[in-house]
Amino acid sequence: MSKFRFHISMSLDGYVAGPNMSEDDPLGEGGPQLHEWMVPLRAFKELQGQDADGEVNASTPIVEGMFQNVGATIMGRRMFGPASGPWGSDPWRGWWGEDPPYHHPVFVLTHHAREPLEMEGGTTFHFVTDGIEATLERAREAARGRDVLLLGGADVAQQYLAAGLIDELDLSIVPVLLGAGGRLFENIGGARLALEQVRAVEAPGVTHIKYGVRAG
């Protein structure tokens, strides 16, 4: 049975991005620290289409498994690009160059309509304006029985958590304190989520904890 999975790196004080995000600083001030555990890994470099030289450690299976059995991805507008508002005459094409690492349909939640953006390697970005549930429905259809992956950011994740729609929550917890920015477990209303820990992996610079999620 397909799952709706959410994976994100988070600081010890609960932030998934630092403050003052911009085109020059897309993860916010201090935000890059949340992903330092991943950058040296061979598995991460392979996802980016880089040479395969790199580290192998306890985080390797986590990165290798991130896109396993995934047929579609959902993300928010701010994860796709730095700007908000209308797309303009020369719209942003994503952070990842012409060959993004997804290689399947990606659904971007936005308030501003835009034609699909077809990239190299099988990635097509679809810009959806009719809310989280309609976006998930479209992503499930596109995934053709495989899993749907949610990659953030915080606002989109909060909406799906509040609605009780996420099946699996995979947190990579990094021992840094950001103090401000995008905090994951805020603005989820009265949502009561029952979490069952199904995996914990200690690795250099990070601890990976996976939870099964159900509405309480």
N, C-alpha and C. Protein backbone atom coordinates (compact mmCIF):
# COMPACT_ATOMS: atom_id res chain seq x y z
N MET A 1 0.84 -1.19 0.00
CA MET A 1 0.00 0.00 0.00
C MET A 1 0.88 1.24 0.00
N SER A 2 0.55 2.21 -0.83
CA SER A 2 1.39 3.41 -0.92
C SER A 2 1.26 4.26 0.35
N LYS A 3 2.32 5.01 0.66
CA LYS A 3 2.35 5.87 1.84
C LYS A 3 2.61 7.31 1.42
N PHE A 4 2.19 8.23 2.28
CA PHE A 4 2.56 9.64 2.15
C PHE A 4 3.63 9.90 3.20
N ARG A 5 4.86 10.06 2.75
CA ARG A 5 6.03 10.13 3.64
C ARG A 5 6.57 11.55 3.68
N PHE A 6 7.06 11.92 4.86
CA PHE A 6 7.65 13.25 5.04
C PHE A 6 9.04 13.08 5.63
N HIS A 7 10.03 13.65 4.95
CA HIS A 7 11.41 13.60 5.44
C HIS A 7 11.96 15.01 5.50
N ILE A 8 12.62 15.33 6.64
CA ILE A 8 13.21 16.67 6.76
C ILE A 8 14.30 16.64 7.83
N SER A 9 15.29 17.53 7.67
CA SER A 9 16.31 17.73 8.70
C SER A 9 15.84 18.84 9.64
N MET A 10 16.10 18.65 10.93
CA MET A 10 15.57 19.57 11.94
C MET A 10 16.62 19.82 13.01
N SER A 11 16.69 21.06 13.48
CA SER A 11 17.60 21.39 14.58
C SER A 11 17.06 20.81 15.89
N LEU A 12 17.92 20.80 16.89
CA LEU A 12 17.52 20.25 18.19
C LEU A 12 16.40 21.07 18.82
N ASP A 13 16.31 22.37 18.49
CA ASP A 13 15.23 23.20 19.02
C ASP A 13 14.06 23.31 18.04
N GLY A 14 14.01 22.43 17.04
CA GLY A 14 12.79 22.25 16.27
C GLY A 14 12.64 23.04 15.00
N TYR A 15 13.74 23.67 14.51
CA TYR A 15 13.65 24.47 13.30
C TYR A 15 14.14 23.68 12.08
N VAL A 16 13.45 23.88 10.96
CA VAL A 16 13.83 23.21 9.72
C VAL A 16 14.42 24.18 8.71
N ALA A 17 14.47 25.45 9.05
CA ALA A 17 15.15 26.49 8.27
C ALA A 17 15.48 27.63 9.21
N GLY A 18 16.52 28.38 8.87
CA GLY A 18 16.88 29.53 9.67
C GLY A 18 16.09 30.77 9.27
N PRO A 19 16.26 31.88 9.99
CA PRO A 19 15.54 33.11 9.65
C PRO A 19 16.12 33.79 8.42
N ASN A 20 15.34 34.70 7.83
CA ASN A 20 15.77 35.57 6.73
C ASN A 20 16.18 34.78 5.49
N MET A 21 15.31 33.89 5.04
CA MET A 21 15.57 33.14 3.81
C MET A 21 15.57 34.09 2.62
N SER A 22 16.46 33.82 1.65
CA SER A 22 16.57 34.66 0.46
C SER A 22 17.16 33.83 -0.67
N GLU A 23 17.25 34.43 -1.86
CA GLU A 23 17.87 33.72 -2.99
C GLU A 23 19.32 33.39 -2.69
N ASP A 24 20.02 34.29 -2.00
CA ASP A 24 21.42 34.04 -1.66
C ASP A 24 21.57 33.13 -0.46
N ASP A 25 20.54 33.01 0.35
CA ASP A 25 20.59 32.21 1.57
C ASP A 25 19.28 31.41 1.67
N PRO A 26 19.10 30.42 0.78
CA PRO A 26 17.78 29.76 0.67
C PRO A 26 17.36 28.98 1.90
N LEU A 27 18.30 28.58 2.74
CA LEU A 27 17.95 27.84 3.95
C LEU A 27 17.89 28.75 5.18
N GLY A 28 18.06 30.06 4.96
CA GLY A 28 18.05 31.00 6.07
C GLY A 28 19.38 31.01 6.81
N GLU A 29 19.51 31.97 7.70
CA GLU A 29 20.75 32.11 8.47
C GLU A 29 20.95 30.89 9.37
N GLY A 30 22.06 30.21 9.18
CA GLY A 30 22.36 29.00 9.95
C GLY A 30 21.73 27.75 9.40
N GLY A 31 20.82 27.87 8.44
CA GLY A 31 20.12 26.71 7.91
C GLY A 31 20.99 25.65 7.27
N PRO A 32 22.07 26.03 6.56
CA PRO A 32 22.91 24.99 5.94
C PRO A 32 23.48 23.97 6.93
N GLN A 33 23.58 24.36 8.21
CA GLN A 33 24.09 23.40 9.21
C GLN A 33 23.21 22.16 9.30
N LEU A 34 21.94 22.32 8.96
CA LEU A 34 21.01 21.20 9.08
C LEU A 34 21.30 20.09 8.09
N HIS A 35 22.08 20.39 7.05
CA HIS A 35 22.31 19.41 5.99
C HIS A 35 23.78 19.04 5.84
N GLU A 36 24.62 19.50 6.76
CA GLU A 36 26.04 19.18 6.67
C GLU A 36 26.30 17.69 6.80
N TRP A 37 25.45 16.97 7.51
CA TRP A 37 25.62 15.53 7.65
C TRP A 37 25.51 14.81 6.31
N MET A 38 24.73 15.40 5.39
CA MET A 38 24.41 14.75 4.14
C MET A 38 25.42 15.04 3.03
N VAL A 39 25.95 16.25 3.02
CA VAL A 39 26.74 16.73 1.88
C VAL A 39 27.94 15.86 1.53
N PRO A 40 28.71 15.32 2.51
CA PRO A 40 29.88 14.52 2.13
C PRO A 40 29.56 13.11 1.64
N LEU A 41 28.32 12.67 1.73
CA LEU A 41 28.00 11.28 1.45
C LEU A 41 28.05 10.97 -0.04
N ARG A 42 28.57 9.80 -0.37
CA ARG A 42 28.58 9.34 -1.76
C ARG A 42 27.15 9.26 -2.30
N ALA A 43 26.22 8.75 -1.47
CA ALA A 43 24.84 8.59 -1.92
C ALA A 43 24.22 9.94 -2.27
N PHE A 44 24.52 10.98 -1.50
CA PHE A 44 23.99 12.31 -1.79
C PHE A 44 24.60 12.87 -3.08
N LYS A 45 25.89 12.69 -3.26
CA LYS A 45 26.55 13.16 -4.48
C LYS A 45 25.97 12.48 -5.71
N GLU A 46 25.67 11.21 -5.59
CA GLU A 46 25.07 10.48 -6.72
C GLU A 46 23.68 11.05 -7.05
N LEU A 47 22.90 11.41 -6.02
CA LEU A 47 21.60 12.02 -6.27
C LEU A 47 21.73 13.34 -7.03
N GLN A 48 22.82 14.06 -6.76
CA GLN A 48 23.05 15.35 -7.41
C GLN A 48 23.72 15.21 -8.77
N GLY A 49 23.98 13.96 -9.21
CA GLY A 49 24.64 13.74 -10.48
C GLY A 49 26.12 14.03 -10.46
N GLN A 50 26.72 14.04 -9.27
CA GLN A 50 28.14 14.32 -9.13
C GLN A 50 28.94 13.01 -9.15
N ASP A 51 30.27 13.14 -9.19
CA ASP A 51 31.13 11.97 -9.11
C ASP A 51 30.84 11.20 -7.84
N ALA A 52 31.01 9.90 -7.90
CA ALA A 52 30.58 9.02 -6.80
C ALA A 52 31.54 9.01 -5.63
N ASP A 53 32.67 9.72 -5.68
CA ASP A 53 33.57 9.76 -4.53
C ASP A 53 32.85 10.43 -3.36
N GLY A 54 32.98 9.85 -2.20
CA GLY A 54 32.33 10.41 -1.03
C GLY A 54 32.29 9.41 0.10
N GLU A 55 31.77 9.84 1.24
CA GLU A 55 31.76 9.02 2.44
C GLU A 55 30.62 7.99 2.40
N VAL A 56 30.85 6.92 3.11
CA VAL A 56 29.80 5.94 3.39
C VAL A 56 29.76 5.76 4.90
N ASN A 57 28.62 6.03 5.52
CA ASN A 57 28.50 5.84 6.96
C ASN A 57 27.06 5.44 7.30
N ALA A 58 26.67 5.55 8.55
CA ALA A 58 25.34 5.08 8.96
C ALA A 58 24.20 5.88 8.34
N SER A 59 24.50 7.08 7.82
CA SER A 59 23.46 7.86 7.14
C SER A 59 23.23 7.42 5.70
N THR A 60 24.15 6.62 5.16
CA THR A 60 24.03 6.24 3.75
C THR A 60 22.70 5.57 3.43
N PRO A 61 22.25 4.57 4.20
CA PRO A 61 20.95 3.95 3.87
C PRO A 61 19.78 4.92 3.98
N ILE A 62 19.90 5.95 4.82
CA ILE A 62 18.83 6.93 4.95
C ILE A 62 18.68 7.70 3.65
N VAL A 63 19.80 8.17 3.10
CA VAL A 63 19.77 8.93 1.85
C VAL A 63 19.36 8.02 0.70
N GLU A 64 19.91 6.81 0.67
CA GLU A 64 19.55 5.88 -0.40
C GLU A 64 18.06 5.54 -0.39
N GLY A 65 17.47 5.50 0.79
CA GLY A 65 16.07 5.14 0.90
C GLY A 65 15.10 6.28 0.70
N MET A 66 15.63 7.52 0.62
CA MET A 66 14.74 8.67 0.58
C MET A 66 13.79 8.62 -0.61
N PHE A 67 14.31 8.23 -1.78
CA PHE A 67 13.48 8.21 -2.98
C PHE A 67 13.08 6.80 -3.41
N GLN A 68 13.38 5.80 -2.57
CA GLN A 68 13.00 4.44 -2.93
C GLN A 68 11.48 4.31 -2.93
N ASN A 69 10.94 3.73 -3.97
CA ASN A 69 9.50 3.50 -4.14
C ASN A 69 8.70 4.80 -4.16
N VAL A 70 9.34 5.92 -4.48
CA VAL A 70 8.64 7.21 -4.56
C VAL A 70 8.27 7.48 -6.02
N GLY A 71 6.99 7.76 -6.25
CA GLY A 71 6.53 8.05 -7.60
C GLY A 71 6.17 9.49 -7.84
N ALA A 72 6.10 10.30 -6.76
CA ALA A 72 5.79 11.72 -6.89
C ALA A 72 6.22 12.43 -5.61
N THR A 73 6.51 13.72 -5.74
CA THR A 73 6.95 14.54 -4.61
C THR A 73 6.06 15.77 -4.52
N ILE A 74 5.82 16.23 -3.28
CA ILE A 74 5.11 17.48 -3.02
C ILE A 74 6.05 18.42 -2.28
N MET A 75 6.01 19.70 -2.63
CA MET A 75 6.78 20.70 -1.91
C MET A 75 6.02 22.03 -1.94
N GLY A 76 6.42 22.94 -1.05
CA GLY A 76 5.85 24.26 -1.02
C GLY A 76 6.55 25.21 -1.97
N ARG A 77 5.93 26.36 -2.19
CA ARG A 77 6.47 27.37 -3.10
C ARG A 77 7.87 27.82 -2.67
N ARG A 78 8.09 28.01 -1.36
CA ARG A 78 9.37 28.52 -0.90
C ARG A 78 10.47 27.46 -0.99
N MET A 79 10.11 26.19 -1.05
CA MET A 79 11.14 25.19 -1.30
C MET A 79 11.53 25.17 -2.77
N PHE A 80 10.58 25.47 -3.64
CA PHE A 80 10.89 25.52 -5.07
C PHE A 80 11.73 26.74 -5.42
N GLY A 81 11.48 27.87 -4.76
CA GLY A 81 12.21 29.08 -5.12
C GLY A 81 12.09 30.14 -4.05
N PRO A 82 12.84 31.24 -4.17
CA PRO A 82 12.93 32.23 -3.10
C PRO A 82 11.82 33.26 -3.08
N ALA A 83 11.06 33.40 -4.17
CA ALA A 83 10.12 34.51 -4.29
C ALA A 83 8.70 34.06 -3.99
N SER A 84 7.85 35.03 -3.68
CA SER A 84 6.42 34.79 -3.55
C SER A 84 5.70 35.73 -4.51
N GLY A 85 4.38 35.62 -4.58
CA GLY A 85 3.63 36.48 -5.49
C GLY A 85 3.59 35.92 -6.90
N PRO A 86 3.10 36.70 -7.86
CA PRO A 86 3.01 36.25 -9.25
C PRO A 86 4.38 35.83 -9.79
N TRP A 87 4.36 34.92 -10.74
CA TRP A 87 5.61 34.35 -11.26
C TRP A 87 6.38 35.32 -12.15
N GLY A 88 5.71 36.24 -12.80
CA GLY A 88 6.40 37.21 -13.65
C GLY A 88 6.72 36.67 -15.04
N SER A 89 7.39 37.50 -15.83
CA SER A 89 7.66 37.17 -17.23
C SER A 89 8.82 36.21 -17.41
N ASP A 90 9.70 36.12 -16.44
CA ASP A 90 10.85 35.20 -16.50
C ASP A 90 10.87 34.37 -15.22
N PRO A 91 9.95 33.40 -15.09
CA PRO A 91 9.76 32.74 -13.80
C PRO A 91 10.93 31.83 -13.40
N TRP A 92 11.10 31.73 -12.11
CA TRP A 92 12.12 30.89 -11.49
C TRP A 92 11.95 29.43 -11.93
N ARG A 93 13.09 28.75 -12.15
CA ARG A 93 13.07 27.37 -12.64
C ARG A 93 13.58 26.37 -11.59
N GLY A 94 13.64 26.78 -10.33
CA GLY A 94 14.05 25.86 -9.27
C GLY A 94 15.51 26.03 -8.91
N TRP A 95 15.87 25.46 -7.75
CA TRP A 95 17.24 25.57 -7.23
C TRP A 95 18.21 24.60 -7.90
N TRP A 96 17.74 23.63 -8.69
CA TRP A 96 18.52 22.43 -8.97
C TRP A 96 19.10 22.38 -10.37
N GLY A 97 19.01 23.46 -11.15
CA GLY A 97 19.49 23.41 -12.52
C GLY A 97 18.49 22.72 -13.42
N GLU A 98 18.95 22.35 -14.62
CA GLU A 98 18.05 21.81 -15.63
C GLU A 98 17.77 20.32 -15.45
N ASP A 99 18.49 19.64 -14.56
CA ASP A 99 18.27 18.22 -14.32
C ASP A 99 18.10 17.99 -12.83
N PRO A 100 16.93 18.33 -12.26
CA PRO A 100 16.70 18.16 -10.82
C PRO A 100 16.80 16.69 -10.42
N PRO A 101 17.03 16.42 -9.13
CA PRO A 101 17.29 15.04 -8.69
C PRO A 101 16.06 14.18 -8.52
N TYR A 102 14.86 14.66 -8.88
CA TYR A 102 13.64 13.92 -8.56
C TYR A 102 13.32 12.84 -9.58
N HIS A 103 13.34 13.17 -10.86
CA HIS A 103 13.10 12.20 -11.94
C HIS A 103 11.70 11.59 -11.87
N HIS A 104 10.75 12.38 -11.41
CA HIS A 104 9.34 11.99 -11.39
C HIS A 104 8.52 13.28 -11.24
N PRO A 105 7.21 13.22 -11.29
CA PRO A 105 6.40 14.44 -11.14
C PRO A 105 6.56 15.06 -9.76
N VAL A 106 6.68 16.39 -9.72
CA VAL A 106 6.78 17.15 -8.48
C VAL A 106 5.65 18.18 -8.47
N PHE A 107 4.90 18.23 -7.37
CA PHE A 107 3.74 19.11 -7.26
C PHE A 107 4.06 20.22 -6.26
N VAL A 108 4.02 21.46 -6.76
CA VAL A 108 4.39 22.63 -5.97
C VAL A 108 3.12 23.36 -5.56
N LEU A 109 2.90 23.47 -4.24
CA LEU A 109 1.75 24.20 -3.73
C LEU A 109 2.00 25.70 -3.85
N THR A 110 1.06 26.42 -4.47
CA THR A 110 1.24 27.84 -4.70
C THR A 110 -0.12 28.52 -4.79
N HIS A 111 -0.14 29.83 -4.62
CA HIS A 111 -1.37 30.61 -4.80
C HIS A 111 -1.46 31.19 -6.21
N HIS A 112 -0.44 30.95 -7.04
CA HIS A 112 -0.37 31.60 -8.35
C HIS A 112 -0.19 30.54 -9.43
N ALA A 113 -1.14 30.49 -10.35
CA ALA A 113 -1.14 29.46 -11.40
C ALA A 113 0.07 29.63 -12.32
N ARG A 114 0.49 28.50 -12.87
CA ARG A 114 1.61 28.48 -13.81
C ARG A 114 1.54 27.18 -14.60
N GLU A 115 1.95 27.23 -15.85
CA GLU A 115 1.98 26.03 -16.68
C GLU A 115 3.04 25.06 -16.14
N PRO A 116 2.84 23.74 -16.34
CA PRO A 116 3.86 22.77 -15.91
C PRO A 116 5.22 23.08 -16.52
N LEU A 117 6.26 22.78 -15.75
CA LEU A 117 7.63 23.03 -16.16
C LEU A 117 8.33 21.68 -16.34
N GLU A 118 8.58 21.29 -17.56
CA GLU A 118 9.22 20.02 -17.85
C GLU A 118 10.73 20.21 -17.91
N MET A 119 11.45 19.41 -17.11
CA MET A 119 12.90 19.51 -17.01
C MET A 119 13.54 18.24 -17.57
N GLU A 120 14.86 18.22 -17.56
CA GLU A 120 15.59 17.04 -18.00
C GLU A 120 15.46 15.92 -16.96
N GLY A 121 15.69 14.69 -17.41
CA GLY A 121 15.75 13.56 -16.48
C GLY A 121 14.43 13.04 -16.01
N GLY A 122 13.32 13.51 -16.60
CA GLY A 122 12.02 12.98 -16.22
C GLY A 122 11.29 13.76 -15.14
N THR A 123 11.85 14.88 -14.67
CA THR A 123 11.18 15.71 -13.67
C THR A 123 10.27 16.73 -14.35
N THR A 124 9.02 16.78 -13.94
CA THR A 124 8.11 17.84 -14.36
C THR A 124 7.49 18.47 -13.11
N PHE A 125 7.61 19.78 -12.99
CA PHE A 125 7.00 20.51 -11.88
C PHE A 125 5.58 20.94 -12.28
N HIS A 126 4.62 20.59 -11.42
CA HIS A 126 3.23 20.98 -11.61
C HIS A 126 2.87 21.96 -10.49
N PHE A 127 2.28 23.06 -10.83
CA PHE A 127 2.00 24.12 -9.87
C PHE A 127 0.51 24.11 -9.55
N VAL A 128 0.18 23.75 -8.30
CA VAL A 128 -1.19 23.45 -7.91
C VAL A 128 -1.70 24.55 -6.98
N THR A 129 -2.89 25.06 -7.29
CA THR A 129 -3.44 26.20 -6.56
C THR A 129 -4.68 25.87 -5.75
N ASP A 130 -5.11 24.61 -5.73
CA ASP A 130 -6.39 24.30 -5.08
C ASP A 130 -6.24 23.51 -3.79
N GLY A 131 -5.13 23.72 -3.06
CA GLY A 131 -5.03 23.23 -1.70
C GLY A 131 -4.32 21.91 -1.51
N ILE A 132 -4.09 21.57 -0.23
CA ILE A 132 -3.24 20.43 0.09
C ILE A 132 -3.88 19.10 -0.28
N GLU A 133 -5.18 18.96 -0.08
CA GLU A 133 -5.81 17.66 -0.34
C GLU A 133 -5.88 17.37 -1.84
N ALA A 134 -6.20 18.39 -2.63
CA ALA A 134 -6.23 18.19 -4.08
C ALA A 134 -4.83 17.89 -4.60
N THR A 135 -3.83 18.55 -4.02
CA THR A 135 -2.44 18.29 -4.43
C THR A 135 -2.04 16.86 -4.12
N LEU A 136 -2.40 16.38 -2.94
CA LEU A 136 -2.07 15.00 -2.58
C LEU A 136 -2.81 14.02 -3.48
N GLU A 137 -4.04 14.31 -3.82
CA GLU A 137 -4.79 13.43 -4.70
C GLU A 137 -4.12 13.34 -6.07
N ARG A 138 -3.70 14.47 -6.62
CA ARG A 138 -3.02 14.47 -7.91
C ARG A 138 -1.69 13.73 -7.82
N ALA A 139 -0.96 13.93 -6.72
CA ALA A 139 0.32 13.26 -6.57
C ALA A 139 0.16 11.74 -6.45
N ARG A 140 -0.85 11.29 -5.71
CA ARG A 140 -1.09 9.85 -5.60
C ARG A 140 -1.42 9.25 -6.97
N GLU A 141 -2.20 9.95 -7.74
CA GLU A 141 -2.55 9.46 -9.07
C GLU A 141 -1.30 9.37 -9.94
N ALA A 142 -0.45 10.40 -9.88
CA ALA A 142 0.78 10.40 -10.68
C ALA A 142 1.76 9.33 -10.21
N ALA A 143 1.75 9.00 -8.91
CA ALA A 143 2.70 8.03 -8.36
C ALA A 143 2.38 6.60 -8.79
N ARG A 144 1.17 6.34 -9.26
CA ARG A 144 0.77 5.03 -9.78
C ARG A 144 1.08 3.89 -8.81
N GLY A 145 0.62 4.07 -7.57
CA GLY A 145 0.75 3.01 -6.58
C GLY A 145 2.01 3.08 -5.74
N ARG A 146 2.95 3.91 -6.13
CA ARG A 146 4.15 4.10 -5.31
C ARG A 146 3.91 5.19 -4.27
N ASP A 147 4.90 5.43 -3.42
CA ASP A 147 4.75 6.40 -2.34
C ASP A 147 4.81 7.82 -2.87
N VAL A 148 4.25 8.74 -2.08
CA VAL A 148 4.38 10.18 -2.32
C VAL A 148 5.25 10.75 -1.21
N LEU A 149 6.24 11.57 -1.59
CA LEU A 149 7.19 12.14 -0.65
C LEU A 149 6.92 13.61 -0.46
N LEU A 150 6.82 14.05 0.78
CA LEU A 150 6.70 15.46 1.11
C LEU A 150 8.05 15.96 1.61
N LEU A 151 8.53 17.07 1.00
CA LEU A 151 9.86 17.58 1.37
C LEU A 151 9.81 18.96 2.00
N GLY A 152 8.65 19.48 2.35
CA GLY A 152 8.60 20.76 3.05
C GLY A 152 8.23 21.91 2.14
N GLY A 153 8.38 23.11 2.68
CA GLY A 153 8.96 23.46 3.97
C GLY A 153 7.98 23.36 5.12
N ALA A 154 8.30 24.15 6.19
CA ALA A 154 7.59 24.02 7.44
C ALA A 154 6.10 24.30 7.29
N ASP A 155 5.73 25.35 6.56
CA ASP A 155 4.33 25.74 6.45
C ASP A 155 3.50 24.64 5.80
N VAL A 156 4.00 24.08 4.71
CA VAL A 156 3.27 23.01 4.02
C VAL A 156 3.19 21.77 4.91
N ALA A 157 4.29 21.43 5.57
CA ALA A 157 4.27 20.27 6.46
C ALA A 157 3.27 20.45 7.58
N GLN A 158 3.19 21.66 8.14
CA GLN A 158 2.23 21.92 9.21
C GLN A 158 0.80 21.70 8.73
N GLN A 159 0.51 22.13 7.50
CA GLN A 159 -0.84 21.95 6.98
C GLN A 159 -1.19 20.47 6.85
N TYR A 160 -0.26 19.67 6.35
CA TYR A 160 -0.53 18.24 6.20
C TYR A 160 -0.58 17.54 7.55
N LEU A 161 0.25 17.96 8.50
CA LEU A 161 0.19 17.38 9.84
C LEU A 161 -1.15 17.71 10.50
N ALA A 162 -1.57 18.97 10.38
CA ALA A 162 -2.84 19.39 10.99
C ALA A 162 -4.01 18.62 10.41
N ALA A 163 -3.93 18.27 9.14
CA ALA A 163 -5.00 17.53 8.48
C ALA A 163 -4.92 16.03 8.73
N GLY A 164 -3.85 15.57 9.37
CA GLY A 164 -3.72 14.14 9.67
C GLY A 164 -3.49 13.27 8.45
N LEU A 165 -2.82 13.82 7.42
CA LEU A 165 -2.69 13.10 6.16
C LEU A 165 -1.35 12.39 5.99
N ILE A 166 -0.39 12.67 6.84
CA ILE A 166 0.95 12.07 6.70
C ILE A 166 0.96 10.69 7.36
N ASP A 167 1.52 9.71 6.65
CA ASP A 167 1.60 8.34 7.16
C ASP A 167 2.92 8.05 7.87
N GLU A 168 3.97 8.72 7.45
CA GLU A 168 5.30 8.38 7.95
C GLU A 168 6.13 9.66 8.07
N LEU A 169 6.73 9.87 9.23
CA LEU A 169 7.50 11.06 9.54
C LEU A 169 8.94 10.66 9.82
N ASP A 170 9.85 11.15 9.00
CA ASP A 170 11.27 10.78 9.10
C ASP A 170 12.07 12.05 9.40
N LEU A 171 12.55 12.17 10.64
CA LEU A 171 13.27 13.36 11.08
C LEU A 171 14.76 13.05 11.20
N SER A 172 15.57 13.89 10.59
CA SER A 172 17.02 13.84 10.77
C SER A 172 17.38 14.99 11.70
N ILE A 173 17.65 14.66 12.95
CA ILE A 173 17.81 15.67 14.00
C ILE A 173 19.29 15.99 14.16
N VAL A 174 19.61 17.28 13.98
CA VAL A 174 20.99 17.75 13.98
C VAL A 174 21.26 18.50 15.29
N PRO A 175 22.38 18.25 15.97
CA PRO A 175 22.63 18.88 17.27
C PRO A 175 23.12 20.32 17.14
N VAL A 176 22.27 21.18 16.59
CA VAL A 176 22.52 22.62 16.56
C VAL A 176 21.26 23.32 17.07
N LEU A 177 21.44 24.54 17.55
CA LEU A 177 20.33 25.37 18.02
C LEU A 177 20.27 26.60 17.14
N LEU A 178 19.18 26.74 16.37
CA LEU A 178 19.04 27.89 15.48
C LEU A 178 18.36 29.07 16.15
N GLY A 179 17.46 28.82 17.07
CA GLY A 179 16.87 29.91 17.84
C GLY A 179 15.74 30.65 17.15
N ALA A 180 15.66 30.56 15.83
CA ALA A 180 14.62 31.26 15.08
C ALA A 180 14.55 30.64 13.68
N GLY A 181 13.49 30.99 12.94
CA GLY A 181 13.33 30.48 11.58
C GLY A 181 12.01 29.78 11.42
N GLY A 182 12.00 28.72 10.61
CA GLY A 182 10.79 27.94 10.38
C GLY A 182 10.75 26.76 11.33
N ARG A 183 9.82 26.79 12.26
CA ARG A 183 9.72 25.73 13.27
C ARG A 183 8.66 24.72 12.83
N LEU A 184 8.99 23.45 12.91
CA LEU A 184 8.12 22.43 12.33
C LEU A 184 6.81 22.26 13.09
N PHE A 185 6.88 22.06 14.39
CA PHE A 185 5.67 21.68 15.13
C PHE A 185 4.97 22.89 15.73
N GLU A 186 4.60 23.82 14.86
CA GLU A 186 3.78 24.96 15.22
C GLU A 186 2.61 25.03 14.24
N ASN A 187 1.59 25.76 14.63
CA ASN A 187 0.46 26.05 13.73
C ASN A 187 -0.23 24.79 13.21
N ILE A 188 -0.32 23.77 14.06
CA ILE A 188 -1.02 22.56 13.63
C ILE A 188 -2.37 22.42 14.34
N GLY A 189 -2.83 23.55 14.89
CA GLY A 189 -4.17 23.59 15.47
C GLY A 189 -4.33 22.58 16.59
N GLY A 190 -5.48 21.92 16.60
CA GLY A 190 -5.75 20.93 17.63
C GLY A 190 -5.44 19.51 17.19
N ALA A 191 -4.59 19.37 16.19
CA ALA A 191 -4.28 18.03 15.68
C ALA A 191 -3.69 17.16 16.79
N ARG A 192 -4.22 15.97 16.93
CA ARG A 192 -3.70 14.99 17.88
C ARG A 192 -3.11 13.85 17.06
N LEU A 193 -1.78 13.74 17.08
CA LEU A 193 -1.09 12.76 16.27
C LEU A 193 -0.49 11.68 17.15
N ALA A 194 -0.78 10.44 16.85
CA ALA A 194 -0.17 9.32 17.55
C ALA A 194 1.06 8.88 16.77
N LEU A 195 2.22 8.94 17.41
CA LEU A 195 3.48 8.61 16.76
C LEU A 195 4.02 7.30 17.31
N GLU A 196 4.39 6.42 16.42
CA GLU A 196 5.01 5.15 16.81
C GLU A 196 6.42 5.10 16.22
N GLN A 197 7.43 5.08 17.09
CA GLN A 197 8.80 5.05 16.59
C GLN A 197 9.08 3.68 15.97
N VAL A 198 9.57 3.72 14.72
CA VAL A 198 9.85 2.47 14.02
C VAL A 198 11.33 2.31 13.69
N ARG A 199 12.12 3.40 13.89
CA ARG A 199 13.55 3.29 13.60
C ARG A 199 14.28 4.45 14.25
N ALA A 200 15.48 4.19 14.76
CA ALA A 200 16.38 5.23 15.23
C ALA A 200 17.80 4.85 14.82
N VAL A 201 18.48 5.76 14.15
CA VAL A 201 19.83 5.50 13.65
C VAL A 201 20.74 6.64 14.09
N GLU A 202 21.80 6.32 14.83
CA GLU A 202 22.80 7.32 15.17
C GLU A 202 23.87 7.33 14.09
N ALA A 203 24.25 8.52 13.65
CA ALA A 203 25.23 8.68 12.58
C ALA A 203 26.06 9.92 12.87
N PRO A 204 27.18 10.10 12.19
CA PRO A 204 28.00 11.30 12.44
C PRO A 204 27.21 12.59 12.21
N GLY A 205 27.07 13.37 13.27
CA GLY A 205 26.44 14.68 13.17
C GLY A 205 24.94 14.69 13.08
N VAL A 206 24.27 13.55 13.27
CA VAL A 206 22.82 13.50 13.09
C VAL A 206 22.26 12.23 13.71
N THR A 207 20.99 12.30 14.12
CA THR A 207 20.25 11.12 14.54
C THR A 207 18.97 11.05 13.70
N HIS A 208 18.74 9.92 13.07
CA HIS A 208 17.58 9.75 12.21
C HIS A 208 16.51 8.96 12.96
N ILE A 209 15.32 9.55 13.10
CA ILE A 209 14.22 8.90 13.80
C ILE A 209 13.01 8.86 12.87
N LYS A 210 12.48 7.68 12.66
CA LYS A 210 11.30 7.50 11.82
C LYS A 210 10.11 7.12 12.70
N TYR A 211 8.97 7.77 12.42
CA TYR A 211 7.73 7.49 13.14
C TYR A 211 6.63 7.11 12.15
N GLY A 212 5.85 6.13 12.51
CA GLY A 212 4.57 5.95 11.87
C GLY A 212 3.59 6.94 12.50
N VAL A 213 2.71 7.50 11.69
CA VAL A 213 1.81 8.56 12.15
C VAL A 213 0.37 8.15 11.89
N ARG A 214 -0.48 8.41 12.86
CA ARG A 214 -1.91 8.27 12.64
C ARG A 214 -2.62 9.35 13.44
N ALA A 215 -3.76 9.78 12.95
CA ALA A 215 -4.55 10.76 13.69
C ALA A 215 -4.99 10.18 15.02
N GLY A 216 -4.85 10.98 16.08
CA GLY A 216 -5.16 10.50 17.41
C GLY A 216 -6.65 10.47 17.69
